[in-house]
Amino acid sequence: MENARPLDTLNGSRNQRVIVELKNKSQYIGKLKAFDIHINIVLDDAEERLGNEPSRKLGTVFIRGDTITLIALE
């Protein structure tokens, strides 16, 4: 995606599994279902991850965009 804007890139990741890292270093993995211009996101089938291992299943979660430091495809 040459010259893609951040929201375009995020939109291309919709319905794919992503890793989300927060400012407090916690990580969540899940299917990206929705987001808004503030990068508030909704993940389905989300799991919290500690180290490289899933620690607990959370289901559908909402994460505030101002807490996110990284979003990457799994």
C-alpha atoms as a PDB file:
ATOM      1  CA  MET A   1       0.000   0.000   0.000  1.00  0.00           C
ATOM      2  CA  GLU A   2       2.190   2.794  -1.212  1.00  0.00           C
ATOM      3  CA  ASN A   3       1.267   6.233   0.165  1.00  0.00           C
ATOM      4  CA  ALA A   4      -1.531   4.715   2.238  1.00  0.00           C
ATOM      5  CA  ARG A   5      -2.909   6.767   5.107  1.00  0.00           C
ATOM      6  CA  PRO A   6      -2.938   5.163   8.572  1.00  0.00           C
ATOM      7  CA  LEU A   7      -6.727   4.718   8.625  1.00  0.00           C
ATOM      8  CA  ASP A   8      -6.598   3.131   5.139  1.00  0.00           C
ATOM      9  CA  THR A   9      -4.026   0.647   6.391  1.00  0.00           C
ATOM     10  CA  LEU A  10      -6.109  -0.098   9.460  1.00  0.00           C
ATOM     11  CA  ASN A  11      -9.206  -0.544   7.286  1.00  0.00           C
ATOM     12  CA  GLY A  12      -7.286  -3.109   5.212  1.00  0.00           C
ATOM     13  CA  SER A  13      -6.725  -5.083   8.420  1.00  0.00           C
ATOM     14  CA  ARG A  14     -10.432  -5.293   9.266  1.00  0.00           C
ATOM     15  CA  ASN A  15     -11.593  -8.876  10.002  1.00  0.00           C
ATOM     16  CA  GLN A  16      -7.989 -10.032  10.382  1.00  0.00           C
ATOM     17  CA  ARG A  17      -6.241 -11.061  13.595  1.00  0.00           C
ATOM     18  CA  VAL A  18      -4.114  -8.281  15.043  1.00  0.00           C
ATOM     19  CA  ILE A  19      -1.839  -7.768  18.019  1.00  0.00           C
ATOM     20  CA  VAL A  20      -2.510  -4.598  20.005  1.00  0.00           C
ATOM     21  CA  GLU A  21       0.061  -3.343  22.502  1.00  0.00           C
ATOM     22  CA  LEU A  22      -0.861  -0.719  25.070  1.00  0.00           C
ATOM     23  CA  LYS A  23       1.184   1.938  26.855  1.00  0.00           C
ATOM     24  CA  ASN A  24       1.309  -0.280  29.954  1.00  0.00           C
ATOM     25  CA  LYS A  25       2.965  -2.998  27.784  1.00  0.00           C
ATOM     26  CA  SER A  26      -0.038  -5.351  27.950  1.00  0.00           C
ATOM     27  CA  GLN A  27      -0.936  -7.083  24.687  1.00  0.00           C
ATOM     28  CA  TYR A  28      -4.222  -8.242  23.207  1.00  0.00           C
ATOM     29  CA  ILE A  29      -4.818 -10.430  20.171  1.00  0.00           C
ATOM     30  CA  GLY A  30      -8.114 -10.607  18.346  1.00  0.00           C
ATOM     31  CA  LYS A  31     -10.013 -10.037  15.127  1.00  0.00           C
ATOM     32  CA  LEU A  32     -10.245  -6.327  14.291  1.00  0.00           C
ATOM     33  CA  LYS A  33     -13.955  -5.606  13.863  1.00  0.00           C
ATOM     34  CA  ALA A  34     -14.252  -1.823  14.038  1.00  0.00           C
ATOM     35  CA  PHE A  35     -12.377   1.409  14.701  1.00  0.00           C
ATOM     36  CA  ASP A  36     -12.953   5.151  14.555  1.00  0.00           C
ATOM     37  CA  ILE A  37     -10.882   8.243  13.795  1.00  0.00           C
ATOM     38  CA  HIS A  38      -9.510   8.206  17.357  1.00  0.00           C
ATOM     39  CA  ILE A  39      -8.256   4.632  16.794  1.00  0.00           C
ATOM     40  CA  ASN A  40     -10.653   3.329  19.429  1.00  0.00           C
ATOM     41  CA  ILE A  41     -10.948  -0.300  18.361  1.00  0.00           C
ATOM     42  CA  VAL A  42     -13.190  -3.313  18.838  1.00  0.00           C
ATOM     43  CA  LEU A  43     -11.668  -6.803  18.819  1.00  0.00           C
ATOM     44  CA  ASP A  44     -13.663 -10.034  18.611  1.00  0.00           C
ATOM     45  CA  ASP A  45     -12.386 -13.339  20.054  1.00  0.00           C
ATOM     46  CA  ALA A  46      -9.825 -11.320  22.006  1.00  0.00           C
ATOM     47  CA  GLU A  47      -7.193 -12.824  24.270  1.00  0.00           C
ATOM     48  CA  GLU A  48      -4.842 -11.123  26.672  1.00  0.00           C
ATOM     49  CA  ARG A  49      -1.226 -12.180  26.170  1.00  0.00           C
ATOM     50  CA  LEU A  50       1.565 -12.270  28.749  1.00  0.00           C
ATOM     51  CA  GLY A  51       5.002 -12.785  27.225  1.00  0.00           C
ATOM     52  CA  ASN A  52       4.377 -15.001  24.218  1.00  0.00           C
ATOM     53  CA  GLU A  53       1.563 -17.020  25.798  1.00  0.00           C
ATOM     54  CA  PRO A  54      -2.176 -16.279  25.856  1.00  0.00           C
ATOM     55  CA  SER A  55      -3.263 -15.750  29.471  1.00  0.00           C
ATOM     56  CA  ARG A  56      -7.042 -15.369  29.279  1.00  0.00           C
ATOM     57  CA  LYS A  57      -9.863 -15.240  26.772  1.00  0.00           C
ATOM     58  CA  LEU A  58     -11.909 -12.037  26.835  1.00  0.00           C
ATOM     59  CA  GLY A  59     -14.373 -12.295  23.932  1.00  0.00           C
ATOM     60  CA  THR A  60     -15.335  -8.916  22.465  1.00  0.00           C
ATOM     61  CA  VAL A  61     -13.385  -5.951  23.816  1.00  0.00           C
ATOM     62  CA  PHE A  62     -13.247  -2.187  23.251  1.00  0.00           C
ATOM     63  CA  ILE A  63      -9.828  -0.538  23.554  1.00  0.00           C
ATOM     64  CA  ARG A  64      -9.405   3.239  23.798  1.00  0.00           C
ATOM     65  CA  GLY A  65      -7.157   4.593  21.095  1.00  0.00           C
ATOM     66  CA  ASP A  66      -5.177   6.845  23.426  1.00  0.00           C
ATOM     67  CA  THR A  67      -3.858   3.755  25.256  1.00  0.00           C
ATOM     68  CA  ILE A  68      -2.554   1.998  22.106  1.00  0.00           C
ATOM     69  CA  THR A  69       1.107   2.123  21.087  1.00  0.00           C
ATOM     70  CA  LEU A  70       1.136  -0.588  18.396  1.00  0.00           C
ATOM     71  CA  ILE A  71      -1.258  -2.479  16.124  1.00  0.00           C
ATOM     72  CA  ALA A  72       0.222  -5.253  13.953  1.00  0.00           C
ATOM     73  CA  LEU A  73      -1.061  -8.227  11.984  1.00  0.00           C
ATOM     74  CA  GLU A  74      -0.586 -11.468  13.903  1.00  0.00           C
END
